[in-house]
PDB file of N, CA and C in Angstrom:
ATOM      1  N   UNK A   1       0.838  -1.175   0.000  1.00  0.00           N
ATOM      2  CA  UNK A   1       0.000   0.000   0.000  1.00  0.00           C
ATOM      3  C   UNK A   1       0.889   1.246   0.000  1.00  0.00           C
ATOM      4  N   UNK A   2       0.534   2.217  -0.794  1.00  0.00           N
ATOM      5  CA  UNK A   2       1.338   3.437  -0.919  1.00  0.00           C
ATOM      6  C   UNK A   2       1.207   4.293   0.324  1.00  0.00           C
ATOM      7  N   UNK A   3       2.280   5.012   0.690  1.00  0.00           N
ATOM      8  CA  UNK A   3       2.200   5.899   1.850  1.00  0.00           C
ATOM      9  C   UNK A   3       1.132   6.961   1.622  1.00  0.00           C
ATOM     10  N   UNK A   4       0.363   7.221   2.672  1.00  0.00           N
ATOM     11  CA  UNK A   4      -0.668   8.249   2.588  1.00  0.00           C
ATOM     12  C   UNK A   4      -1.946   7.784   1.923  1.00  0.00           C
ATOM     13  N   UNK A   5      -1.998   6.502   1.508  1.00  0.00           N
ATOM     14  CA  UNK A   5      -3.215   6.025   0.864  1.00  0.00           C
ATOM     15  C   UNK A   5      -4.264   5.694   1.909  1.00  0.00           C
ATOM     16  N   UNK A   6      -5.492   5.663   1.481  1.00  0.00           N
ATOM     17  CA  UNK A   6      -6.612   5.412   2.367  1.00  0.00           C
ATOM     18  C   UNK A   6      -7.261   4.105   1.941  1.00  0.00           C
ATOM     19  N   UNK A   7      -7.118   3.030   2.728  1.00  0.00           N
ATOM     20  CA  UNK A   7      -7.556   1.709   2.299  1.00  0.00           C
ATOM     21  C   UNK A   7      -9.050   1.607   2.003  1.00  0.00           C
ATOM     22  N   UNK A   8      -9.891   2.347   2.699  1.00  0.00           N
ATOM     23  CA  UNK A   8     -11.332   2.257   2.458  1.00  0.00           C
ATOM     24  C   UNK A   8     -11.806   3.322   1.482  1.00  0.00           C
ATOM     25  N   UNK A   9     -10.900   4.133   0.982  1.00  0.00           N
ATOM     26  CA  UNK A   9     -11.267   5.126  -0.003  1.00  0.00           C
ATOM     27  C   UNK A   9     -12.078   6.284   0.560  1.00  0.00           C
ATOM     28  N   UNK A  10     -12.033   6.480   1.862  1.00  0.00           N
ATOM     29  CA  UNK A  10     -12.775   7.583   2.454  1.00  0.00           C
ATOM     30  C   UNK A  10     -12.039   8.885   2.200  1.00  0.00           C
ATOM     31  N   UNK A  11     -12.794   9.898   1.856  1.00  0.00           N
ATOM     32  CA  UNK A  11     -12.178  11.205   1.748  1.00  0.00           C
ATOM     33  C   UNK A  11     -12.953  12.170   2.639  1.00  0.00           C
ATOM     34  N   UNK A  12     -12.361  13.303   2.869  1.00  0.00           N
ATOM     35  CA  UNK A  12     -12.931  14.282   3.791  1.00  0.00           C
ATOM     36  C   UNK A  12     -14.289  14.769   3.321  1.00  0.00           C
ATOM     37  N   UNK A  13     -14.444  14.989   2.034  1.00  0.00           N
ATOM     38  CA  UNK A  13     -15.717  15.467   1.507  1.00  0.00           C
ATOM     39  C   UNK A  13     -16.852  14.507   1.852  1.00  0.00           C
ATOM     40  N   UNK A  14     -16.629  13.224   1.610  1.00  0.00           N
ATOM     41  CA  UNK A  14     -17.659  12.228   1.929  1.00  0.00           C
ATOM     42  C   UNK A  14     -17.859  12.088   3.431  1.00  0.00           C
ATOM     43  N   UNK A  15     -16.783  12.133   4.189  1.00  0.00           N
ATOM     44  CA  UNK A  15     -16.892  11.994   5.646  1.00  0.00           C
ATOM     45  C   UNK A  15     -17.723  13.118   6.244  1.00  0.00           C
ATOM     46  N   UNK A  16     -17.568  14.327   5.714  1.00  0.00           N
ATOM     47  CA  UNK A  16     -18.315  15.465   6.252  1.00  0.00           C
ATOM     48  C   UNK A  16     -19.769  15.465   5.807  1.00  0.00           C
ATOM     49  N   UNK A  17     -20.158  14.479   5.036  1.00  0.00           N
ATOM     50  CA  UNK A  17     -21.560  14.329   4.660  1.00  0.00           C
ATOM     51  C   UNK A  17     -22.439  13.915   5.832  1.00  0.00           C
ATOM     52  N   UNK A  18     -21.828  13.443   6.895  1.00  0.00           N
ATOM     53  CA  UNK A  18     -22.606  13.014   8.069  1.00  0.00           C
ATOM     54  C   UNK A  18     -22.633  14.139   9.100  1.00  0.00           C
ATOM     55  N   UNK A  19     -23.829  14.533   9.577  1.00  0.00           N
ATOM     56  CA  UNK A  19     -23.921  15.652  10.516  1.00  0.00           C
ATOM     57  C   UNK A  19     -23.172  15.441  11.830  1.00  0.00           C
ATOM     58  N   UNK A  20     -23.104  14.201  12.316  1.00  0.00           N
ATOM     59  CA  UNK A  20     -22.391  13.978  13.575  1.00  0.00           C
ATOM     60  C   UNK A  20     -20.895  14.225  13.399  1.00  0.00           C
ATOM     61  N   UNK A  21     -20.361  13.863  12.237  1.00  0.00           N
ATOM     62  CA  UNK A  21     -18.924  14.090  12.012  1.00  0.00           C
ATOM     63  C   UNK A  21     -18.621  15.577  11.936  1.00  0.00           C
ATOM     64  N   UNK A  22     -19.512  16.331  11.322  1.00  0.00           N
ATOM     65  CA  UNK A  22     -19.322  17.793  11.295  1.00  0.00           C
ATOM     66  C   UNK A  22     -19.385  18.348  12.715  1.00  0.00           C
ATOM     67  N   UNK A  23     -20.321  17.858  13.508  1.00  0.00           N
ATOM     68  CA  UNK A  23     -20.460  18.315  14.890  1.00  0.00           C
ATOM     69  C   UNK A  23     -19.199  17.976  15.700  1.00  0.00           C
ATOM     70  N   UNK A  24     -18.683  16.778  15.512  1.00  0.00           N
ATOM     71  CA  UNK A  24     -17.464  16.344  16.211  1.00  0.00           C
ATOM     72  C   UNK A  24     -16.294  17.251  15.833  1.00  0.00           C
ATOM     73  N   UNK A  25     -16.115  17.487  14.536  1.00  0.00           N
ATOM     74  CA  UNK A  25     -14.996  18.317  14.100  1.00  0.00           C
ATOM     75  C   UNK A  25     -15.120  19.750  14.595  1.00  0.00           C
ATOM     76  N   UNK A  26     -16.335  20.298  14.590  1.00  0.00           N
ATOM     77  CA  UNK A  26     -16.518  21.649  15.123  1.00  0.00           C
ATOM     78  C   UNK A  26     -16.102  21.715  16.593  1.00  0.00           C
ATOM     79  N   UNK A  27     -16.537  20.724  17.351  1.00  0.00           N
ATOM     80  CA  UNK A  27     -16.194  20.685  18.782  1.00  0.00           C
ATOM     81  C   UNK A  27     -14.688  20.553  18.968  1.00  0.00           C
ATOM     82  N   UNK A  28     -14.055  19.719  18.162  1.00  0.00           N
ATOM     83  CA  UNK A  28     -12.608  19.528  18.286  1.00  0.00           C
ATOM     84  C   UNK A  28     -11.849  20.786  17.871  1.00  0.00           C
ATOM     85  N   UNK A  29     -12.310  21.483  16.850  1.00  0.00           N
ATOM     86  CA  UNK A  29     -11.652  22.722  16.428  1.00  0.00           C
ATOM     87  C   UNK A  29     -11.834  23.808  17.481  1.00  0.00           C
ATOM     88  N   UNK A  30     -13.003  23.840  18.126  1.00  0.00           N
ATOM     89  CA  UNK A  30     -13.237  24.816  19.195  1.00  0.00           C
ATOM     90  C   UNK A  30     -12.352  24.533  20.404  1.00  0.00           C
ATOM     91  N   UNK A  31     -12.105  23.262  20.672  1.00  0.00           N
ATOM     92  CA  UNK A  31     -11.273  22.855  21.796  1.00  0.00           C
ATOM     93  C   UNK A  31      -9.806  23.178  21.517  1.00  0.00           C
ATOM     94  N   UNK A  32      -9.404  23.036  20.270  1.00  0.00           N
ATOM     95  CA  UNK A  32      -8.032  23.269  19.792  1.00  0.00           C
ATOM     96  C   UNK A  32      -6.969  22.593  20.656  1.00  0.00           C
ATOM     97  N   UNK A  33      -7.276  21.416  21.108  1.00  0.00           N
ATOM     98  CA  UNK A  33      -6.330  20.597  21.855  1.00  0.00           C
ATOM     99  C   UNK A  33      -6.726  19.147  21.667  1.00  0.00           C
ATOM    100  N   UNK A  34      -6.206  18.291  22.494  1.00  0.00           N
ATOM    101  CA  UNK A  34      -6.568  16.879  22.377  1.00  0.00           C
ATOM    102  C   UNK A  34      -7.820  16.586  23.182  1.00  0.00           C
ATOM    103  N   UNK A  35      -8.600  15.648  22.692  1.00  0.00           N
ATOM    104  CA  UNK A  35      -9.855  15.288  23.345  1.00  0.00           C
ATOM    105  C   UNK A  35     -10.145  13.820  23.047  1.00  0.00           C
ATOM    106  N   UNK A  36     -10.771  13.151  23.986  1.00  0.00           N
ATOM    107  CA  UNK A  36     -11.099  11.736  23.801  1.00  0.00           C
ATOM    108  C   UNK A  36     -12.555  11.596  23.357  1.00  0.00           C
ATOM    109  N   UNK A  37     -12.881  10.504  22.682  1.00  0.00           N
ATOM    110  CA  UNK A  37     -14.275  10.258  22.330  1.00  0.00           C
ATOM    111  C   UNK A  37     -15.193  10.250  23.561  1.00  0.00           C
ATOM    112  N   UNK A  38     -14.689   9.780  24.698  1.00  0.00           N
ATOM    113  CA  UNK A  38     -15.505   9.792  25.927  1.00  0.00           C
ATOM    114  C   UNK A  38     -15.881  11.226  26.307  1.00  0.00           C
ATOM    115  N   UNK A  39     -14.915  12.139  26.253  1.00  0.00           N
ATOM    116  CA  UNK A  39     -15.197  13.544  26.566  1.00  0.00           C
ATOM    117  C   UNK A  39     -16.173  14.136  25.556  1.00  0.00           C
ATOM    118  N   UNK A  40     -15.966  13.814  24.277  1.00  0.00           N
ATOM    119  CA  UNK A  40     -16.863  14.324  23.241  1.00  0.00           C
ATOM    120  C   UNK A  40     -18.277  13.790  23.399  1.00  0.00           C
ATOM    121  N   UNK A  41     -18.402  12.509  23.776  1.00  0.00           N
ATOM    122  CA  UNK A  41     -19.740  11.925  23.934  1.00  0.00           C
ATOM    123  C   UNK A  41     -20.506  12.628  25.044  1.00  0.00           C
ATOM    124  N   UNK A  42     -19.811  13.027  26.103  1.00  0.00           N
ATOM    125  CA  UNK A  42     -20.466  13.759  27.190  1.00  0.00           C
ATOM    126  C   UNK A  42     -20.858  15.169  26.737  1.00  0.00           C
ATOM    127  N   UNK A  43     -19.970  15.844  26.040  1.00  0.00           N
ATOM    128  CA  UNK A  43     -20.249  17.215  25.585  1.00  0.00           C
ATOM    129  C   UNK A  43     -21.379  17.284  24.569  1.00  0.00           C
ATOM    130  N   UNK A  44     -21.413  16.277  23.677  1.00  0.00           N
ATOM    131  CA  UNK A  44     -22.370  16.304  22.575  1.00  0.00           C
ATOM    132  C   UNK A  44     -23.617  15.457  22.849  1.00  0.00           C
ATOM    133  N   UNK A  45     -23.683  14.852  24.033  1.00  0.00           N
ATOM    134  CA  UNK A  45     -24.823  14.006  24.414  1.00  0.00           C
ATOM    135  C   UNK A  45     -25.086  12.908  23.378  1.00  0.00           C
ATOM    136  N   UNK A  46     -24.022  12.195  23.020  1.00  0.00           N
ATOM    137  CA  UNK A  46     -24.110  11.088  22.068  1.00  0.00           C
ATOM    138  C   UNK A  46     -23.585   9.822  22.722  1.00  0.00           C
ATOM    139  N   UNK A  47     -24.050   8.670  22.231  1.00  0.00           N
ATOM    140  CA  UNK A  47     -23.547   7.404  22.748  1.00  0.00           C
ATOM    141  C   UNK A  47     -22.074   7.250  22.381  1.00  0.00           C
ATOM    142  N   UNK A  48     -21.296   6.751  23.322  1.00  0.00           N
ATOM    143  CA  UNK A  48     -19.856   6.608  23.121  1.00  0.00           C
ATOM    144  C   UNK A  48     -19.544   5.712  21.922  1.00  0.00           C
ATOM    145  N   UNK A  49     -20.253   4.608  21.760  1.00  0.00           N
ATOM    146  CA  UNK A  49     -19.938   3.685  20.667  1.00  0.00           C
ATOM    147  C   UNK A  49     -20.132   4.342  19.305  1.00  0.00           C
ATOM    148  N   UNK A  50     -21.220   5.073  19.124  1.00  0.00           N
ATOM    149  CA  UNK A  50     -21.474   5.741  17.846  1.00  0.00           C
ATOM    150  C   UNK A  50     -20.454   6.849  17.614  1.00  0.00           C
ATOM    151  N   UNK A  51     -20.183   7.628  18.642  1.00  0.00           N
ATOM    152  CA  UNK A  51     -19.243   8.728  18.507  1.00  0.00           C
ATOM    153  C   UNK A  51     -17.839   8.205  18.203  1.00  0.00           C
ATOM    154  N   UNK A  52     -17.434   7.144  18.873  1.00  0.00           N
ATOM    155  CA  UNK A  52     -16.110   6.554  18.623  1.00  0.00           C
ATOM    156  C   UNK A  52     -15.978   6.096  17.179  1.00  0.00           C
ATOM    157  N   UNK A  53     -17.035   5.503  16.643  1.00  0.00           N
ATOM    158  CA  UNK A  53     -17.031   5.070  15.242  1.00  0.00           C
ATOM    159  C   UNK A  53     -16.770   6.266  14.326  1.00  0.00           C
ATOM    160  N   UNK A  54     -17.485   7.361  14.542  1.00  0.00           N
ATOM    161  CA  UNK A  54     -17.351   8.528  13.679  1.00  0.00           C
ATOM    162  C   UNK A  54     -15.974   9.181  13.825  1.00  0.00           C
ATOM    163  N   UNK A  55     -15.403   9.150  15.014  1.00  0.00           N
ATOM    164  CA  UNK A  55     -14.040   9.676  15.197  1.00  0.00           C
ATOM    165  C   UNK A  55     -13.055   8.807  14.414  1.00  0.00           C
ATOM    166  N   UNK A  56     -13.247   7.495  14.424  1.00  0.00           N
ATOM    167  CA  UNK A  56     -12.361   6.615  13.652  1.00  0.00           C
ATOM    168  C   UNK A  56     -12.469   6.897  12.153  1.00  0.00           C
ATOM    169  N   UNK A  57     -13.685   7.160  11.673  1.00  0.00           N
ATOM    170  CA  UNK A  57     -13.861   7.507  10.254  1.00  0.00           C
ATOM    171  C   UNK A  57     -13.102   8.800   9.943  1.00  0.00           C
ATOM    172  N   UNK A  58     -13.224   9.791  10.823  1.00  0.00           N
ATOM    173  CA  UNK A  58     -12.502  11.048  10.627  1.00  0.00           C
ATOM    174  C   UNK A  58     -10.983  10.827  10.658  1.00  0.00           C
ATOM    175  N   UNK A  59     -10.535   9.892  11.475  1.00  0.00           N
ATOM    176  CA  UNK A  59      -9.104   9.574  11.532  1.00  0.00           C
ATOM    177  C   UNK A  59      -8.653   8.907  10.231  1.00  0.00           C
ATOM    178  N   UNK A  60      -9.491   8.052   9.661  1.00  0.00           N
ATOM    179  CA  UNK A  60      -9.139   7.376   8.411  1.00  0.00           C
ATOM    180  C   UNK A  60      -8.981   8.353   7.257  1.00  0.00           C
ATOM    181  N   UNK A  61      -9.747   9.430   7.266  1.00  0.00           N
ATOM    182  CA  UNK A  61      -9.617  10.416   6.184  1.00  0.00           C
ATOM    183  C   UNK A  61      -8.703  11.566   6.599  1.00  0.00           C
ATOM    184  N   UNK A  62      -8.003  11.385   7.683  1.00  0.00           N
ATOM    185  CA  UNK A  62      -6.966  12.307   8.168  1.00  0.00           C
ATOM    186  C   UNK A  62      -7.483  13.694   8.548  1.00  0.00           C
ATOM    187  N   UNK A  63      -8.716  13.752   9.048  1.00  0.00           N
ATOM    188  CA  UNK A  63      -9.255  15.011   9.568  1.00  0.00           C
ATOM    189  C   UNK A  63      -8.869  15.175  11.034  1.00  0.00           C
ATOM    190  N   UNK A  64      -8.653  14.041  11.711  1.00  0.00           N
ATOM    191  CA  UNK A  64      -8.171  14.051  13.092  1.00  0.00           C
ATOM    192  C   UNK A  64      -7.028  13.053  13.182  1.00  0.00           C
ATOM    193  N   UNK A  65      -6.185  13.235  14.194  1.00  0.00           N
ATOM    194  CA  UNK A  65      -5.085  12.285  14.383  1.00  0.00           C
ATOM    195  C   UNK A  65      -5.025  11.840  15.833  1.00  0.00           C
ATOM    196  N   UNK A  66      -4.616  10.596  16.005  1.00  0.00           N
ATOM    197  CA  UNK A  66      -4.424  10.044  17.336  1.00  0.00           C
ATOM    198  C   UNK A  66      -3.168  10.659  17.931  1.00  0.00           C
ATOM    199  N   UNK A  67      -3.315  11.282  19.107  1.00  0.00           N
ATOM    200  CA  UNK A  67      -2.188  11.949  19.754  1.00  0.00           C
ATOM    201  C   UNK A  67      -1.542  11.035  20.783  1.00  0.00           C
ATOM    202  N   UNK A  68      -2.383  10.364  21.571  1.00  0.00           N
ATOM    203  CA  UNK A  68      -1.848   9.471  22.607  1.00  0.00           C
ATOM    204  C   UNK A  68      -2.947   8.537  23.083  1.00  0.00           C
ATOM    205  N   UNK A  69      -2.542   7.515  23.810  1.00  0.00           N
ATOM    206  CA  UNK A  69      -3.496   6.624  24.475  1.00  0.00           C
ATOM    207  C   UNK A  69      -3.141   6.588  25.950  1.00  0.00           C
ATOM    208  N   UNK A  70      -4.131   6.258  26.754  1.00  0.00           N
ATOM    209  CA  UNK A  70      -3.923   6.216  28.206  1.00  0.00           C
ATOM    210  C   UNK A  70      -4.773   5.086  28.791  1.00  0.00           C
ATOM    211  N   UNK A  71      -4.176   4.325  29.688  1.00  0.00           N
ATOM    212  CA  UNK A  71      -4.915   3.271  30.377  1.00  0.00           C
ATOM    213  C   UNK A  71      -5.723   3.901  31.510  1.00  0.00           C
ATOM    214  N   UNK A  72      -7.042   3.748  31.443  1.00  0.00           N
ATOM    215  CA  UNK A  72      -7.922   4.296  32.474  1.00  0.00           C
ATOM    216  C   UNK A  72      -8.903   3.213  32.889  1.00  0.00           C
ATOM    217  N   UNK A  73      -8.837   2.820  34.162  1.00  0.00           N
ATOM    218  CA  UNK A  73      -9.720   1.797  34.723  1.00  0.00           C
ATOM    219  C   UNK A  73      -9.828   0.546  33.854  1.00  0.00           C
ATOM    220  N   UNK A  74      -8.704   0.060  33.397  1.00  0.00           N
ATOM    221  CA  UNK A  74      -8.671  -1.198  32.656  1.00  0.00           C
ATOM    222  C   UNK A  74      -8.998  -1.087  31.176  1.00  0.00           C
ATOM    223  N   UNK A  75      -9.249   0.094  30.670  1.00  0.00           N
ATOM    224  CA  UNK A  75      -9.490   0.238  29.236  1.00  0.00           C
ATOM    225  C   UNK A  75      -8.553   1.303  28.670  1.00  0.00           C
ATOM    226  N   UNK A  76      -8.400   1.272  27.374  1.00  0.00           N
ATOM    227  CA  UNK A  76      -7.519   2.234  26.718  1.00  0.00           C
ATOM    228  C   UNK A  76      -8.347   3.397  26.190  1.00  0.00           C
ATOM    229  N   UNK A  77      -8.019   4.580  26.650  1.00  0.00           N
ATOM    230  CA  UNK A  77      -8.688   5.777  26.171  1.00  0.00           C
ATOM    231  C   UNK A  77      -7.787   6.428  25.119  1.00  0.00           C
ATOM    232  N   UNK A  78      -8.393   6.796  23.986  1.00  0.00           N
ATOM    233  CA  UNK A  78      -7.661   7.408  22.880  1.00  0.00           C
ATOM    234  C   UNK A  78      -7.907   8.911  22.890  1.00  0.00           C
ATOM    235  N   UNK A  79      -6.881   9.668  22.593  1.00  0.00           N
ATOM    236  CA  UNK A  79      -6.990  11.125  22.546  1.00  0.00           C
ATOM    237  C   UNK A  79      -6.610  11.596  21.148  1.00  0.00           C
ATOM    238  N   UNK A  80      -7.468  12.410  20.569  1.00  0.00           N
ATOM    239  CA  UNK A  80      -7.306  12.890  19.198  1.00  0.00           C
ATOM    240  C   UNK A  80      -7.254  14.409  19.182  1.00  0.00           C
ATOM    241  N   UNK A  81      -6.748  14.941  18.062  1.00  0.00           N
ATOM    242  CA  UNK A  81      -6.853  16.377  17.820  1.00  0.00           C
ATOM    243  C   UNK A  81      -7.201  16.576  16.346  1.00  0.00           C
ATOM    244  N   UNK A  82      -7.893  17.668  16.073  1.00  0.00           N
ATOM    245  CA  UNK A  82      -8.276  17.993  14.706  1.00  0.00           C
ATOM    246  C   UNK A  82      -7.060  18.483  13.943  1.00  0.00           C
ATOM    247  N   UNK A  83      -6.901  17.992  12.720  1.00  0.00           N
ATOM    248  CA  UNK A  83      -5.796  18.411  11.867  1.00  0.00           C
ATOM    249  C   UNK A  83      -6.291  18.719  10.454  1.00  0.00           C
ATOM    250  N   UNK A  84      -7.498  19.221  10.360  1.00  0.00           N
ATOM    251  CA  UNK A  84      -8.080  19.548   9.056  1.00  0.00           C
ATOM    252  C   UNK A  84      -7.253  20.663   8.427  1.00  0.00           C
ATOM    253  N   UNK A  85      -6.790  20.425   7.210  1.00  0.00           N
ATOM    254  CA  UNK A  85      -5.960  21.423   6.534  1.00  0.00           C
ATOM    255  C   UNK A  85      -6.665  22.034   5.327  1.00  0.00           C
ATOM    256  N   UNK A  86      -7.709  21.385   4.842  1.00  0.00           N
ATOM    257  CA  UNK A  86      -8.414  21.871   3.657  1.00  0.00           C
ATOM    258  C   UNK A  86      -9.205  23.134   3.998  1.00  0.00           C
ATOM    259  N   UNK A  87      -8.879  24.214   3.330  1.00  0.00           N
ATOM    260  CA  UNK A  87      -9.560  25.482   3.604  1.00  0.00           C
ATOM    261  C   UNK A  87     -11.064  25.392   3.383  1.00  0.00           C
ATOM    262  N   UNK A  88     -11.493  24.668   2.330  1.00  0.00           N
ATOM    263  CA  UNK A  88     -12.922  24.552   2.061  1.00  0.00           C
ATOM    264  C   UNK A  88     -13.643  23.865   3.213  1.00  0.00           C
ATOM    265  N   UNK A  89     -13.004  22.871   3.827  1.00  0.00           N
ATOM    266  CA  UNK A  89     -13.629  22.147   4.929  1.00  0.00           C
ATOM    267  C   UNK A  89     -13.755  23.030   6.164  1.00  0.00           C
ATOM    268  N   UNK A  90     -12.718  23.791   6.467  1.00  0.00           N
ATOM    269  CA  UNK A  90     -12.762  24.685   7.625  1.00  0.00           C
ATOM    270  C   UNK A  90     -13.817  25.755   7.419  1.00  0.00           C
ATOM    271  N   UNK A  91     -13.889  26.310   6.213  1.00  0.00           N
ATOM    272  CA  UNK A  91     -14.899  27.318   5.902  1.00  0.00           C
ATOM    273  C   UNK A  91     -16.303  26.735   6.059  1.00  0.00           C
ATOM    274  N   UNK A  92     -16.498  25.524   5.561  1.00  0.00           N
ATOM    275  CA  UNK A  92     -17.815  24.877   5.663  1.00  0.00           C
ATOM    276  C   UNK A  92     -18.182  24.611   7.123  1.00  0.00           C
ATOM    277  N   UNK A  93     -17.222  24.180   7.920  1.00  0.00           N
ATOM    278  CA  UNK A  93     -17.494  23.911   9.333  1.00  0.00           C
ATOM    279  C   UNK A  93     -17.800  25.191  10.099  1.00  0.00           C
ATOM    280  N   UNK A  94     -17.122  26.275   9.751  1.00  0.00           N
ATOM    281  CA  UNK A  94     -17.360  27.546  10.430  1.00  0.00           C
ATOM    282  C   UNK A  94     -18.680  28.177  10.008  1.00  0.00           C
ATOM    283  N   UNK A  95     -19.165  27.817   8.824  1.00  0.00           N
ATOM    284  CA  UNK A  95     -20.383  28.426   8.292  1.00  0.00           C
ATOM    285  C   UNK A  95     -21.631  28.007   9.063  1.00  0.00           C
ATOM    286  N   UNK A  96     -21.607  26.891   9.723  1.00  0.00           N
ATOM    287  CA  UNK A  96     -22.772  26.459  10.479  1.00  0.00           C
ATOM    288  C   UNK A  96     -23.228  25.081  10.081  1.00  0.00           C
ATOM    289  N   UNK A  97     -24.190  24.576  10.833  1.00  0.00           N
ATOM    290  CA  UNK A  97     -24.653  23.202  10.657  1.00  0.00           C
ATOM    291  C   UNK A  97     -25.385  22.997   9.339  1.00  0.00           C
ATOM    292  N   UNK A  98     -26.492  23.625   9.148  1.00  0.00           N
ATOM    293  CA  UNK A  98     -27.302  23.400   7.964  1.00  0.00           C
ATOM    294  C   UNK A  98     -27.838  24.733   7.466  1.00  0.00           C
ATOM    295  N   UNK A  99     -28.043  24.877   6.176  1.00  0.00           N
ATOM    296  CA  UNK A  99     -28.665  26.102   5.685  1.00  0.00           C
ATOM    297  C   UNK A  99     -30.115  26.154   6.128  1.00  0.00           C
ATOM    298  N   UNK A 100     -30.688  27.345   6.266  1.00  0.00           N
ATOM    299  CA  UNK A 100     -32.086  27.437   6.670  1.00  0.00           C
ATOM    300  C   UNK A 100     -32.978  26.770   5.635  1.00  0.00           C
ATOM    301  N   UNK A 101     -34.086  26.212   6.095  1.00  0.00           N
ATOM    302  CA  UNK A 101     -34.996  25.534   5.171  1.00  0.00           C
ATOM    303  C   UNK A 101     -35.669  26.568   4.284  1.00  0.00           C
ATOM    304  N   UNK A 102     -36.013  26.150   3.089  1.00  0.00           N
ATOM    305  CA  UNK A 102     -36.653  27.040   2.129  1.00  0.00           C
ATOM    306  C   UNK A 102     -38.147  26.769   2.150  1.00  0.00           C
ATOM    307  N   UNK A 103     -38.930  27.788   2.373  1.00  0.00           N
ATOM    308  CA  UNK A 103     -40.375  27.630   2.379  1.00  0.00           C
ATOM    309  C   UNK A 103     -40.870  26.970   3.645  1.00  0.00           C
ATOM    310  N   UNK A 104     -42.128  26.610   3.630  1.00  0.00           N
ATOM    311  CA  UNK A 104     -42.739  25.962   4.793  1.00  0.00           C
ATOM    312  C   UNK A 104     -42.664  24.458   4.655  1.00  0.00           C
ATOM    313  N   UNK A 105     -42.547  23.786   5.773  1.00  0.00           N
ATOM    314  CA  UNK A 105     -42.561  22.340   5.732  1.00  0.00           C
ATOM    315  C   UNK A 105     -43.999  21.858   5.591  1.00  0.00           C
ATOM    316  N   UNK A 106     -44.145  20.649   5.180  1.00  0.00           N
ATOM    317  CA  UNK A 106     -45.456  20.059   4.979  1.00  0.00           C
ATOM    318  C   UNK A 106     -46.274  20.121   6.259  1.00  0.00           C
ATOM    319  N   UNK A 107     -47.516  20.541   6.160  1.00  0.00           N
ATOM    320  CA  UNK A 107     -48.396  20.591   7.313  1.00  0.00           C
ATOM    321  C   UNK A 107     -48.342  21.912   8.060  1.00  0.00           C
ATOM    322  N   UNK A 108     -47.427  22.793   7.676  1.00  0.00           N
ATOM    323  CA  UNK A 108     -47.312  24.077   8.359  1.00  0.00           C
ATOM    324  C   UNK A 108     -48.315  25.043   7.744  1.00  0.00           C
ATOM    325  N   UNK A 109     -49.073  25.723   8.575  1.00  0.00           N
ATOM    326  CA  UNK A 109     -50.091  26.629   8.085  1.00  0.00           C
ATOM    327  C   UNK A 109     -49.561  28.030   7.912  1.00  0.00           C
ATOM    328  N   UNK A 110     -50.228  28.773   7.012  1.00  0.00           N
ATOM    329  CA  UNK A 110     -49.900  30.177   6.854  1.00  0.00           C
ATOM    330  C   UNK A 110     -50.312  30.906   8.112  1.00  0.00           C
ATOM    331  N   UNK A 111     -49.536  31.885   8.468  1.00  0.00           N
ATOM    332  CA  UNK A 111     -49.844  32.467   9.714  1.00  0.00           C
ATOM    333  C   UNK A 111     -50.039  33.857   9.850  1.00  0.00           C
TER     334      UNK A 111
END
């Protein structure tokens, strides 16, 4: 396998298609230090297993990197930091979660 290649073919553009991954990266960029999935799950009110999966996906596309591991109460806790370098991705993350909806949603009455 070539250096820098991504075995599952994940790229940052596709990874950021998931709202939880965007939320994770925003939180990590705001923290601007290392953070563990356990800490993120508490901050974002998400299940640890789901959040850990999404952090691993972000690591595979090199949006975050593993900084260190630590043994805590018999398990290994991983600590990551955001390393997003693509200007378009940072701009998109800073712009906000979702654009405002256009028009009224179904069932909404004129008011």
